[in-house]
Amino acid sequence: MVNGPFRGSDALRAGLVSRGELAGPRYTRVFPDVYAPARPLTFEDRSRAAFLLVERRGGVLAGYSAAHLLGASCEPRDAPAEVLVPVHLKPLPGLLAHQGATKEIEDAAGLPVTDRVRTAWDLGRRLTLLDAVVAVDALARPVRPGMPPRFDPFALLDRRLAEPGARNSLRLDRVVALSDPRAESPMETRMRLAFVLGDLRPEVQYVLRDAFGGFVARVDLAFPRARLAIEYDGDAHDDALDRARDVRTGALGWHTMRFQAADVYQRPERMVEAVRQQVAQRTAMVVAERLARR
């Protein structure tokens, strides 16, 4: 049985499958002449299938598909696979085809994709403001915390100078101004943007140290004057490790507020207001403590 997406015609010629098997329950047709094992397909499966569809027409993966293969997964659920093709491609379910050509290509997971800056340029001009910032942050995110970003988001403004009049490029001023690639996940970017757009300016990936300069913890967002840490708890967070870290930061007089996807997506105003109140209360408390020690 073929494990991943494949061209049906190639598999038939190679004797890997029969016509009956292609038409049977073991495989599903993703695109014309492109099949995959009959299982729930991931976004990467659908992107790889899309590349097989356009490979012989000079196409490459672009947009969300390129971002995903580049390790900057930020696509919404059920997003279509995306390709960039030099020729017109008729609309197909599950596929978003852009007509054009580019030399800005790199290899990602064995497939040709638009490079990081080109992918950020395409997504940054097309998506809503929030989704555009999420995509730019994800594509520019450093390999490891503390390292420089993979590209400077201001490169998008330099590119605009080289391509005056490019569609929707004026909105990149706002996208770049809101971008901060230090966020370690798209959800951290979304949470940070909720605060920034609510006139709160947290520090990103803030490192807490003890009185001797020793490392204590690194938190997603922080308001140092209020000794307030903000953490996003994703599906993979470890409760025991989180509690242990909260004890360490609490020993330094810090308070930690933790939020989940429902807070970010469904209750952002409530989340922002709760943090705003804590910032005000704890800032006043910290100032009072310092005055009392004088």
C-alpha atoms as a PDB file:
ATOM      1  CA  MET A   1       0.000   0.000   0.000  1.00  0.00           C
ATOM      2  CA  VAL A   2       1.283   3.465  -0.899  1.00  0.00           C
ATOM      3  CA  ASN A   3       1.722   5.514   2.290  1.00  0.00           C
ATOM      4  CA  GLY A   4       1.445   9.126   1.150  1.00  0.00           C
ATOM      5  CA  PRO A   5      -0.065  11.156  -1.705  1.00  0.00           C
ATOM      6  CA  PHE A   6       0.836   9.833  -5.156  1.00  0.00           C
ATOM      7  CA  ARG A   7       0.001  10.213  -8.830  1.00  0.00           C
ATOM      8  CA  GLY A   8      -2.375   7.506  -9.850  1.00  0.00           C
ATOM      9  CA  SER A   9      -0.941   7.221 -13.369  1.00  0.00           C
ATOM     10  CA  ASP A  10       2.600   6.784 -12.024  1.00  0.00           C
ATOM     11  CA  ALA A  11       1.510   4.137  -9.520  1.00  0.00           C
ATOM     12  CA  LEU A  12      -0.369   2.251 -12.241  1.00  0.00           C
ATOM     13  CA  ARG A  13       2.660   2.230 -14.559  1.00  0.00           C
ATOM     14  CA  ALA A  14       4.895   1.054 -11.728  1.00  0.00           C
ATOM     15  CA  GLY A  15       2.481  -1.737 -10.845  1.00  0.00           C
ATOM     16  CA  LEU A  16       2.043  -0.439  -7.289  1.00  0.00           C
ATOM     17  CA  VAL A  17      -1.737  -0.348  -7.540  1.00  0.00           C
ATOM     18  CA  SER A  18      -4.456  -1.550  -9.881  1.00  0.00           C
ATOM     19  CA  ARG A  19      -7.304   0.496 -11.339  1.00  0.00           C
ATOM     20  CA  GLY A  20      -9.660  -1.431  -9.128  1.00  0.00           C
ATOM     21  CA  GLU A  21      -7.676  -0.508  -6.035  1.00  0.00           C
ATOM     22  CA  LEU A  22      -7.671   3.172  -7.009  1.00  0.00           C
ATOM     23  CA  ALA A  23     -11.439   3.062  -7.345  1.00  0.00           C
ATOM     24  CA  GLY A  24     -11.886   1.039  -4.150  1.00  0.00           C
ATOM     25  CA  PRO A  25     -12.007   1.943  -0.455  1.00  0.00           C
ATOM     26  CA  ARG A  26      -8.243   1.867   0.179  1.00  0.00           C
ATOM     27  CA  TYR A  27      -7.532   5.179  -1.564  1.00  0.00           C
ATOM     28  CA  THR A  28      -9.191   8.550  -1.929  1.00  0.00           C
ATOM     29  CA  ARG A  29      -8.917  10.908  -4.894  1.00  0.00           C
ATOM     30  CA  VAL A  30      -7.598  14.261  -3.666  1.00  0.00           C
ATOM     31  CA  PHE A  31      -7.118  16.025  -7.003  1.00  0.00           C
ATOM     32  CA  PRO A  32      -7.215  14.862 -10.635  1.00  0.00           C
ATOM     33  CA  ASP A  33      -4.785  11.894 -10.893  1.00  0.00           C
ATOM     34  CA  VAL A  34      -3.615  12.508  -7.307  1.00  0.00           C
ATOM     35  CA  TYR A  35      -4.577   9.985  -4.643  1.00  0.00           C
ATOM     36  CA  ALA A  36      -3.841   9.288  -0.998  1.00  0.00           C
ATOM     37  CA  PRO A  37      -4.568   6.478   1.447  1.00  0.00           C
ATOM     38  CA  ALA A  38      -8.179   6.600   2.664  1.00  0.00           C
ATOM     39  CA  ARG A  39      -7.617   8.229   6.056  1.00  0.00           C
ATOM     40  CA  PRO A  40      -8.177  11.693   7.511  1.00  0.00           C
ATOM     41  CA  LEU A  41      -5.736  13.858   5.548  1.00  0.00           C
ATOM     42  CA  THR A  42      -3.568  16.373   7.370  1.00  0.00           C
ATOM     43  CA  PHE A  43      -2.855  19.800   5.950  1.00  0.00           C
ATOM     44  CA  GLU A  44       0.614  18.551   5.007  1.00  0.00           C
ATOM     45  CA  ASP A  45      -0.914  15.567   3.171  1.00  0.00           C
ATOM     46  CA  ARG A  46      -3.152  17.915   1.182  1.00  0.00           C
ATOM     47  CA  SER A  47      -0.248  20.258   0.467  1.00  0.00           C
ATOM     48  CA  ARG A  48       1.918  17.401  -0.794  1.00  0.00           C
ATOM     49  CA  ALA A  49      -0.959  16.240  -2.962  1.00  0.00           C
ATOM     50  CA  ALA A  50      -1.329  19.761  -4.347  1.00  0.00           C
ATOM     51  CA  PHE A  51       2.343  19.847  -5.289  1.00  0.00           C
ATOM     52  CA  LEU A  52       1.985  16.596  -7.235  1.00  0.00           C
ATOM     53  CA  LEU A  53      -0.846  18.225  -9.161  1.00  0.00           C
ATOM     54  CA  VAL A  54       1.248  21.226 -10.254  1.00  0.00           C
ATOM     55  CA  GLU A  55       4.806  19.889 -10.269  1.00  0.00           C
ATOM     56  CA  ARG A  56       4.904  19.227 -14.017  1.00  0.00           C
ATOM     57  CA  ARG A  57       3.464  22.684 -14.697  1.00  0.00           C
ATOM     58  CA  GLY A  58       6.308  24.418 -12.897  1.00  0.00           C
ATOM     59  CA  GLY A  59       4.281  25.024  -9.735  1.00  0.00           C
ATOM     60  CA  VAL A  60       5.515  25.327  -6.163  1.00  0.00           C
ATOM     61  CA  LEU A  61       3.801  25.407  -2.798  1.00  0.00           C
ATOM     62  CA  ALA A  62       2.939  28.892  -1.564  1.00  0.00           C
ATOM     63  CA  GLY A  63       0.955  30.732   1.098  1.00  0.00           C
ATOM     64  CA  TYR A  64      -0.145  28.661   4.064  1.00  0.00           C
ATOM     65  CA  SER A  65       1.212  25.458   2.490  1.00  0.00           C
ATOM     66  CA  ALA A  66       4.677  26.994   2.148  1.00  0.00           C
ATOM     67  CA  ALA A  67       4.527  28.314   5.714  1.00  0.00           C
ATOM     68  CA  HIS A  68       3.541  24.893   7.039  1.00  0.00           C
ATOM     69  CA  LEU A  69       6.364  23.088   5.248  1.00  0.00           C
ATOM     70  CA  LEU A  70       8.799  25.764   6.452  1.00  0.00           C
ATOM     71  CA  GLY A  71       7.919  24.884  10.035  1.00  0.00           C
ATOM     72  CA  ALA A  72       5.783  28.005  10.507  1.00  0.00           C
ATOM     73  CA  SER A  73       2.392  26.325  10.665  1.00  0.00           C
ATOM     74  CA  CYS A  74      -0.243  29.017  11.160  1.00  0.00           C
ATOM     75  CA  GLU A  75      -3.052  27.952   8.836  1.00  0.00           C
ATOM     76  CA  PRO A  76      -6.661  27.917  10.042  1.00  0.00           C
ATOM     77  CA  ARG A  77      -8.475  24.633  10.332  1.00  0.00           C
ATOM     78  CA  ASP A  78      -9.642  23.313   6.941  1.00  0.00           C
ATOM     79  CA  ALA A  79      -7.485  25.818   5.025  1.00  0.00           C
ATOM     80  CA  PRO A  80      -7.063  24.847   1.365  1.00  0.00           C
ATOM     81  CA  ALA A  81      -3.655  23.806   0.105  1.00  0.00           C
ATOM     82  CA  GLU A  82      -1.936  26.648  -1.771  1.00  0.00           C
ATOM     83  CA  VAL A  83       0.208  26.649  -4.892  1.00  0.00           C
ATOM     84  CA  LEU A  84       1.839  29.185  -7.176  1.00  0.00           C
ATOM     85  CA  VAL A  85       1.656  28.135 -10.846  1.00  0.00           C
ATOM     86  CA  PRO A  86       2.899  29.927 -13.987  1.00  0.00           C
ATOM     87  CA  VAL A  87      -0.226  28.871 -15.921  1.00  0.00           C
ATOM     88  CA  HIS A  88      -3.928  29.186 -15.248  1.00  0.00           C
ATOM     89  CA  LEU A  89      -5.348  26.351 -13.188  1.00  0.00           C
ATOM     90  CA  LYS A  90      -9.080  25.770 -13.054  1.00  0.00           C
ATOM     91  CA  PRO A  91     -10.629  26.007  -9.565  1.00  0.00           C
ATOM     92  CA  LEU A  92     -10.636  22.779  -7.579  1.00  0.00           C
ATOM     93  CA  PRO A  93     -12.137  22.007  -4.158  1.00  0.00           C
ATOM     94  CA  GLY A  94      -9.511  22.135  -1.437  1.00  0.00           C
ATOM     95  CA  LEU A  95      -7.024  24.094  -3.546  1.00  0.00           C
ATOM     96  CA  LEU A  96      -6.134  27.775  -3.743  1.00  0.00           C
ATOM     97  CA  ALA A  97      -4.054  28.369  -6.873  1.00  0.00           C
ATOM     98  CA  HIS A  98      -2.239  31.656  -7.515  1.00  0.00           C
ATOM     99  CA  GLN A  99      -1.045  32.314 -11.051  1.00  0.00           C
ATOM    100  CA  GLY A 100       2.495  33.589 -11.376  1.00  0.00           C
ATOM    101  CA  ALA A 101       6.126  32.577 -11.187  1.00  0.00           C
ATOM    102  CA  THR A 102       8.962  33.288  -8.818  1.00  0.00           C
ATOM    103  CA  LYS A 103      12.632  32.522  -8.288  1.00  0.00           C
ATOM    104  CA  GLU A 104      12.226  33.004  -4.529  1.00  0.00           C
ATOM    105  CA  ILE A 105      12.127  29.296  -3.796  1.00  0.00           C
ATOM    106  CA  GLU A 106      13.700  27.110  -1.147  1.00  0.00           C
ATOM    107  CA  ASP A 107      13.489  23.454  -0.219  1.00  0.00           C
ATOM    108  CA  ALA A 108      11.283  22.539   2.741  1.00  0.00           C
ATOM    109  CA  ALA A 109      10.761  18.927   3.779  1.00  0.00           C
ATOM    110  CA  GLY A 110      11.841  17.848   0.302  1.00  0.00           C
ATOM    111  CA  LEU A 111       9.471  20.115  -1.641  1.00  0.00           C
ATOM    112  CA  PRO A 112       9.987  23.472  -3.389  1.00  0.00           C
ATOM    113  CA  VAL A 113       8.155  26.295  -1.617  1.00  0.00           C
ATOM    114  CA  THR A 114       8.191  30.070  -1.795  1.00  0.00           C
ATOM    115  CA  ASP A 115      10.879  31.292   0.606  1.00  0.00           C
ATOM    116  CA  ARG A 116      10.113  32.886   3.966  1.00  0.00           C
ATOM    117  CA  VAL A 117      10.128  36.509   2.856  1.00  0.00           C
ATOM    118  CA  ARG A 118       8.051  35.817  -0.271  1.00  0.00           C
ATOM    119  CA  THR A 119       5.585  33.752   1.756  1.00  0.00           C
ATOM    120  CA  ALA A 120       5.301  36.527   4.369  1.00  0.00           C
ATOM    121  CA  TRP A 121       4.877  39.071   1.557  1.00  0.00           C
ATOM    122  CA  ASP A 122       2.020  37.062   0.043  1.00  0.00           C
ATOM    123  CA  LEU A 123       0.212  36.288   3.302  1.00  0.00           C
ATOM    124  CA  GLY A 124       0.844  39.699   4.835  1.00  0.00           C
ATOM    125  CA  ARG A 125      -0.946  41.445   1.965  1.00  0.00           C
ATOM    126  CA  ARG A 126      -3.835  38.997   1.699  1.00  0.00           C
ATOM    127  CA  LEU A 127      -4.971  38.071   5.187  1.00  0.00           C
ATOM    128  CA  THR A 128      -6.809  40.031   7.842  1.00  0.00           C
ATOM    129  CA  LEU A 129      -4.562  42.206  10.003  1.00  0.00           C
ATOM    130  CA  LEU A 130      -4.518  39.726  12.892  1.00  0.00           C
ATOM    131  CA  ASP A 131      -3.869  36.671  10.707  1.00  0.00           C
ATOM    132  CA  ALA A 132      -1.212  38.560   8.730  1.00  0.00           C
ATOM    133  CA  VAL A 133       0.750  39.410  11.887  1.00  0.00           C
ATOM    134  CA  VAL A 134       0.438  35.814  13.078  1.00  0.00           C
ATOM    135  CA  ALA A 135       1.849  34.561   9.764  1.00  0.00           C
ATOM    136  CA  VAL A 136       4.734  37.055   9.666  1.00  0.00           C
ATOM    137  CA  ASP A 137       5.682  36.255  13.273  1.00  0.00           C
ATOM    138  CA  ALA A 138       5.598  32.508  12.591  1.00  0.00           C
ATOM    139  CA  LEU A 139       7.743  32.784   9.455  1.00  0.00           C
ATOM    140  CA  ALA A 140      10.310  35.085  11.077  1.00  0.00           C
ATOM    141  CA  ARG A 141      10.467  33.204  14.401  1.00  0.00           C
ATOM    142  CA  PRO A 142      14.058  32.429  15.515  1.00  0.00           C
ATOM    143  CA  VAL A 143      15.344  28.874  15.514  1.00  0.00           C
ATOM    144  CA  ARG A 144      15.728  29.142  19.290  1.00  0.00           C
ATOM    145  CA  PRO A 145      14.806  31.808  21.859  1.00  0.00           C
ATOM    146  CA  GLY A 146      17.454  34.495  22.090  1.00  0.00           C
ATOM    147  CA  MET A 147      18.628  34.048  18.502  1.00  0.00           C
ATOM    148  CA  PRO A 148      17.913  36.651  15.792  1.00  0.00           C
ATOM    149  CA  PRO A 149      14.751  36.233  13.684  1.00  0.00           C
ATOM    150  CA  ARG A 150      15.004  34.285  10.449  1.00  0.00           C
ATOM    151  CA  PHE A 151      14.312  37.546   8.645  1.00  0.00           C
ATOM    152  CA  ASP A 152      13.569  41.099   9.696  1.00  0.00           C
ATOM    153  CA  PRO A 153       9.868  41.891   9.104  1.00  0.00           C
ATOM    154  CA  PHE A 154      10.991  45.337   7.900  1.00  0.00           C
ATOM    155  CA  ALA A 155      12.274  43.489   4.812  1.00  0.00           C
ATOM    156  CA  LEU A 156       8.636  43.497   3.681  1.00  0.00           C
ATOM    157  CA  LEU A 157       8.692  47.298   3.573  1.00  0.00           C
ATOM    158  CA  ASP A 158      11.966  47.231   1.624  1.00  0.00           C
ATOM    159  CA  ARG A 159      10.324  44.898  -0.859  1.00  0.00           C
ATOM    160  CA  ARG A 160       7.419  47.280  -1.218  1.00  0.00           C
ATOM    161  CA  LEU A 161       9.857  50.000  -2.278  1.00  0.00           C
ATOM    162  CA  ALA A 162      11.103  47.658  -4.995  1.00  0.00           C
ATOM    163  CA  GLU A 163       7.530  46.852  -6.098  1.00  0.00           C
ATOM    164  CA  PRO A 164       5.604  50.126  -5.870  1.00  0.00           C
ATOM    165  CA  GLY A 165       1.903  49.667  -6.346  1.00  0.00           C
ATOM    166  CA  ALA A 166       1.867  46.007  -5.318  1.00  0.00           C
ATOM    167  CA  ARG A 167      -1.672  45.040  -4.345  1.00  0.00           C
ATOM    168  CA  ASN A 168      -2.541  45.674  -0.673  1.00  0.00           C
ATOM    169  CA  SER A 169       1.075  46.488   0.161  1.00  0.00           C
ATOM    170  CA  LEU A 170       0.225  49.712   2.017  1.00  0.00           C
ATOM    171  CA  ARG A 171      -1.294  47.657   4.853  1.00  0.00           C
ATOM    172  CA  LEU A 172       2.133  46.160   5.557  1.00  0.00           C
ATOM    173  CA  ASP A 173       3.051  49.252   7.610  1.00  0.00           C
ATOM    174  CA  ARG A 174       0.575  48.146  10.260  1.00  0.00           C
ATOM    175  CA  VAL A 175       1.466  44.462   9.957  1.00  0.00           C
ATOM    176  CA  VAL A 176       5.175  45.124  10.438  1.00  0.00           C
ATOM    177  CA  ALA A 177       4.574  47.582  13.292  1.00  0.00           C
ATOM    178  CA  LEU A 178       2.610  44.907  15.175  1.00  0.00           C
ATOM    179  CA  SER A 179       4.966  42.044  14.394  1.00  0.00           C
ATOM    180  CA  ASP A 180       7.237  40.518  17.050  1.00  0.00           C
ATOM    181  CA  PRO A 181       8.845  37.224  15.975  1.00  0.00           C
ATOM    182  CA  ARG A 182       9.920  36.407  19.542  1.00  0.00           C
ATOM    183  CA  ALA A 183       6.489  34.850  20.160  1.00  0.00           C
ATOM    184  CA  GLU A 184       6.962  31.085  20.241  1.00  0.00           C
ATOM    185  CA  SER A 185       3.621  30.109  18.677  1.00  0.00           C
ATOM    186  CA  PRO A 186       0.768  31.589  16.656  1.00  0.00           C
ATOM    187  CA  MET A 187      -1.438  31.506  19.764  1.00  0.00           C
ATOM    188  CA  GLU A 188       1.118  33.533  21.718  1.00  0.00           C
ATOM    189  CA  THR A 189       1.054  36.112  18.932  1.00  0.00           C
ATOM    190  CA  ARG A 190      -2.751  36.215  19.034  1.00  0.00           C
ATOM    191  CA  MET A 191      -2.715  36.662  22.794  1.00  0.00           C
ATOM    192  CA  ARG A 192      -0.070  39.404  22.608  1.00  0.00           C
ATOM    193  CA  LEU A 193      -2.029  41.245  19.922  1.00  0.00           C
ATOM    194  CA  ALA A 194      -5.159  41.211  22.064  1.00  0.00           C
ATOM    195  CA  PHE A 195      -3.234  43.127  24.732  1.00  0.00           C
ATOM    196  CA  VAL A 196      -1.438  45.470  22.316  1.00  0.00           C
ATOM    197  CA  LEU A 197      -4.660  46.383  20.532  1.00  0.00           C
ATOM    198  CA  GLY A 198      -6.152  46.948  23.982  1.00  0.00           C
ATOM    199  CA  ASP A 199      -3.426  49.544  24.750  1.00  0.00           C
ATOM    200  CA  LEU A 200      -1.341  47.206  26.920  1.00  0.00           C
ATOM    201  CA  ARG A 201       2.316  46.672  26.018  1.00  0.00           C
ATOM    202  CA  PRO A 202       3.733  43.499  27.541  1.00  0.00           C
ATOM    203  CA  GLU A 203       7.349  42.409  27.276  1.00  0.00           C
ATOM    204  CA  VAL A 204       7.754  39.309  25.096  1.00  0.00           C
ATOM    205  CA  GLN A 205       9.610  36.176  26.262  1.00  0.00           C
ATOM    206  CA  TYR A 206      10.718  37.942  29.431  1.00  0.00           C
ATOM    207  CA  VAL A 207      13.474  36.311  31.500  1.00  0.00           C
ATOM    208  CA  LEU A 208      13.137  36.432  35.290  1.00  0.00           C
ATOM    209  CA  ARG A 209      16.342  36.302  37.322  1.00  0.00           C
ATOM    210  CA  ASP A 210      17.003  36.084  41.033  1.00  0.00           C
ATOM    211  CA  ALA A 211      18.933  38.605  43.127  1.00  0.00           C
ATOM    212  CA  PHE A 212      22.230  37.021  42.030  1.00  0.00           C
ATOM    213  CA  GLY A 213      21.399  37.140  38.302  1.00  0.00           C
ATOM    214  CA  GLY A 214      20.555  33.447  38.082  1.00  0.00           C
ATOM    215  CA  PHE A 215      17.930  32.254  35.625  1.00  0.00           C
ATOM    216  CA  VAL A 216      14.555  31.525  37.221  1.00  0.00           C
ATOM    217  CA  ALA A 217      12.089  31.344  34.326  1.00  0.00           C
ATOM    218  CA  ARG A 218      11.181  32.704  30.918  1.00  0.00           C
ATOM    219  CA  VAL A 219       7.548  33.736  30.527  1.00  0.00           C
ATOM    220  CA  ASP A 220       5.484  34.328  27.390  1.00  0.00           C
ATOM    221  CA  LEU A 221       4.524  37.901  28.274  1.00  0.00           C
ATOM    222  CA  ALA A 222       5.329  40.108  31.236  1.00  0.00           C
ATOM    223  CA  PHE A 223       4.573  43.444  32.847  1.00  0.00           C
ATOM    224  CA  PRO A 224       7.756  43.853  34.906  1.00  0.00           C
ATOM    225  CA  ARG A 225       6.661  46.981  36.804  1.00  0.00           C
ATOM    226  CA  ALA A 226       3.640  45.034  38.055  1.00  0.00           C
ATOM    227  CA  ARG A 227       5.592  41.780  38.535  1.00  0.00           C
ATOM    228  CA  LEU A 228       2.935  40.124  36.429  1.00  0.00           C
ATOM    229  CA  ALA A 229       3.566  37.167  34.096  1.00  0.00           C
ATOM    230  CA  ILE A 230       1.134  36.076  31.371  1.00  0.00           C
ATOM    231  CA  GLU A 231       1.266  32.523  30.043  1.00  0.00           C
ATOM    232  CA  TYR A 232      -0.572  30.809  27.208  1.00  0.00           C
ATOM    233  CA  ASP A 233      -1.436  27.206  28.088  1.00  0.00           C
ATOM    234  CA  GLY A 234      -1.723  25.162  24.918  1.00  0.00           C
ATOM    235  CA  ASP A 235      -2.808  21.555  24.612  1.00  0.00           C
ATOM    236  CA  ALA A 236       0.691  20.273  25.380  1.00  0.00           C
ATOM    237  CA  HIS A 237       1.350  22.257  28.536  1.00  0.00           C
ATOM    238  CA  ASP A 238       2.462  20.311  31.625  1.00  0.00           C
ATOM    239  CA  ASP A 239       0.473  21.173  34.769  1.00  0.00           C
ATOM    240  CA  ALA A 240       3.155  19.916  37.151  1.00  0.00           C
ATOM    241  CA  LEU A 241       5.939  21.885  35.461  1.00  0.00           C
ATOM    242  CA  ASP A 242       3.704  24.959  35.286  1.00  0.00           C
ATOM    243  CA  ARG A 243       2.958  24.768  39.007  1.00  0.00           C
ATOM    244  CA  ALA A 244       6.646  24.357  39.836  1.00  0.00           C
ATOM    245  CA  ARG A 245       7.539  27.381  37.728  1.00  0.00           C
ATOM    246  CA  ASP A 246       4.753  29.448  39.306  1.00  0.00           C
ATOM    247  CA  VAL A 247       6.204  28.627  42.722  1.00  0.00           C
ATOM    248  CA  ARG A 248       9.647  29.829  41.619  1.00  0.00           C
ATOM    249  CA  THR A 249       8.334  33.059  40.133  1.00  0.00           C
ATOM    250  CA  GLY A 250       6.017  33.574  43.094  1.00  0.00           C
ATOM    251  CA  ALA A 251       9.034  33.468  45.412  1.00  0.00           C
ATOM    252  CA  LEU A 252      10.275  36.572  43.595  1.00  0.00           C
ATOM    253  CA  GLY A 253       6.974  38.356  44.225  1.00  0.00           C
ATOM    254  CA  TRP A 254       5.548  37.676  40.757  1.00  0.00           C
ATOM    255  CA  HIS A 255       1.981  36.638  39.987  1.00  0.00           C
ATOM    256  CA  THR A 256       1.157  34.492  36.935  1.00  0.00           C
ATOM    257  CA  MET A 257      -2.077  34.636  34.933  1.00  0.00           C
ATOM    258  CA  ARG A 258      -2.715  31.711  32.567  1.00  0.00           C
ATOM    259  CA  PHE A 259      -5.007  31.724  29.543  1.00  0.00           C
ATOM    260  CA  GLN A 260      -6.179  29.147  27.034  1.00  0.00           C
ATOM    261  CA  ALA A 261      -7.454  29.135  23.461  1.00  0.00           C
ATOM    262  CA  ALA A 262     -11.045  29.835  24.523  1.00  0.00           C
ATOM    263  CA  ASP A 263      -9.908  33.014  26.274  1.00  0.00           C
ATOM    264  CA  VAL A 264      -7.997  34.226  23.225  1.00  0.00           C
ATOM    265  CA  TYR A 265     -10.636  33.364  20.626  1.00  0.00           C
ATOM    266  CA  GLN A 266     -13.931  33.701  22.491  1.00  0.00           C
ATOM    267  CA  ARG A 267     -13.302  36.110  25.372  1.00  0.00           C
ATOM    268  CA  PRO A 268     -10.445  38.436  24.368  1.00  0.00           C
ATOM    269  CA  GLU A 269     -12.077  41.567  25.816  1.00  0.00           C
ATOM    270  CA  ARG A 270     -12.602  39.871  29.175  1.00  0.00           C
ATOM    271  CA  MET A 271      -9.023  38.592  29.144  1.00  0.00           C
ATOM    272  CA  VAL A 272      -7.608  42.040  28.377  1.00  0.00           C
ATOM    273  CA  GLU A 273      -9.718  43.712  31.054  1.00  0.00           C
ATOM    274  CA  ALA A 274      -8.684  41.152  33.683  1.00  0.00           C
ATOM    275  CA  VAL A 275      -5.024  41.768  32.895  1.00  0.00           C
ATOM    276  CA  ARG A 276      -5.520  45.544  32.814  1.00  0.00           C
ATOM    277  CA  GLN A 277      -6.945  45.441  36.341  1.00  0.00           C
ATOM    278  CA  GLN A 278      -4.099  43.268  37.598  1.00  0.00           C
ATOM    279  CA  VAL A 279      -1.498  45.565  36.022  1.00  0.00           C
ATOM    280  CA  ALA A 280      -3.023  48.601  37.741  1.00  0.00           C
ATOM    281  CA  GLN A 281      -3.431  46.924  41.135  1.00  0.00           C
ATOM    282  CA  ARG A 282      -0.050  45.230  41.207  1.00  0.00           C
ATOM    283  CA  THR A 283       1.823  48.288  39.914  1.00  0.00           C
ATOM    284  CA  ALA A 284       0.349  50.308  42.788  1.00  0.00           C
ATOM    285  CA  MET A 285       1.279  47.524  45.213  1.00  0.00           C
ATOM    286  CA  VAL A 286       4.878  47.336  43.978  1.00  0.00           C
ATOM    287  CA  VAL A 287       5.265  51.109  44.182  1.00  0.00           C
ATOM    288  CA  ALA A 288       3.866  51.110  47.740  1.00  0.00           C
ATOM    289  CA  GLU A 289       6.303  48.362  48.751  1.00  0.00           C
ATOM    290  CA  ARG A 290       9.252  50.354  47.432  1.00  0.00           C
ATOM    291  CA  LEU A 291       8.139  53.520  49.215  1.00  0.00           C
ATOM    292  CA  ALA A 292       7.726  51.597  52.467  1.00  0.00           C
ATOM    293  CA  ARG A 293      11.330  50.338  52.257  1.00  0.00           C
ATOM    294  CA  ARG A 294      12.760  53.858  51.990  1.00  0.00           C
END
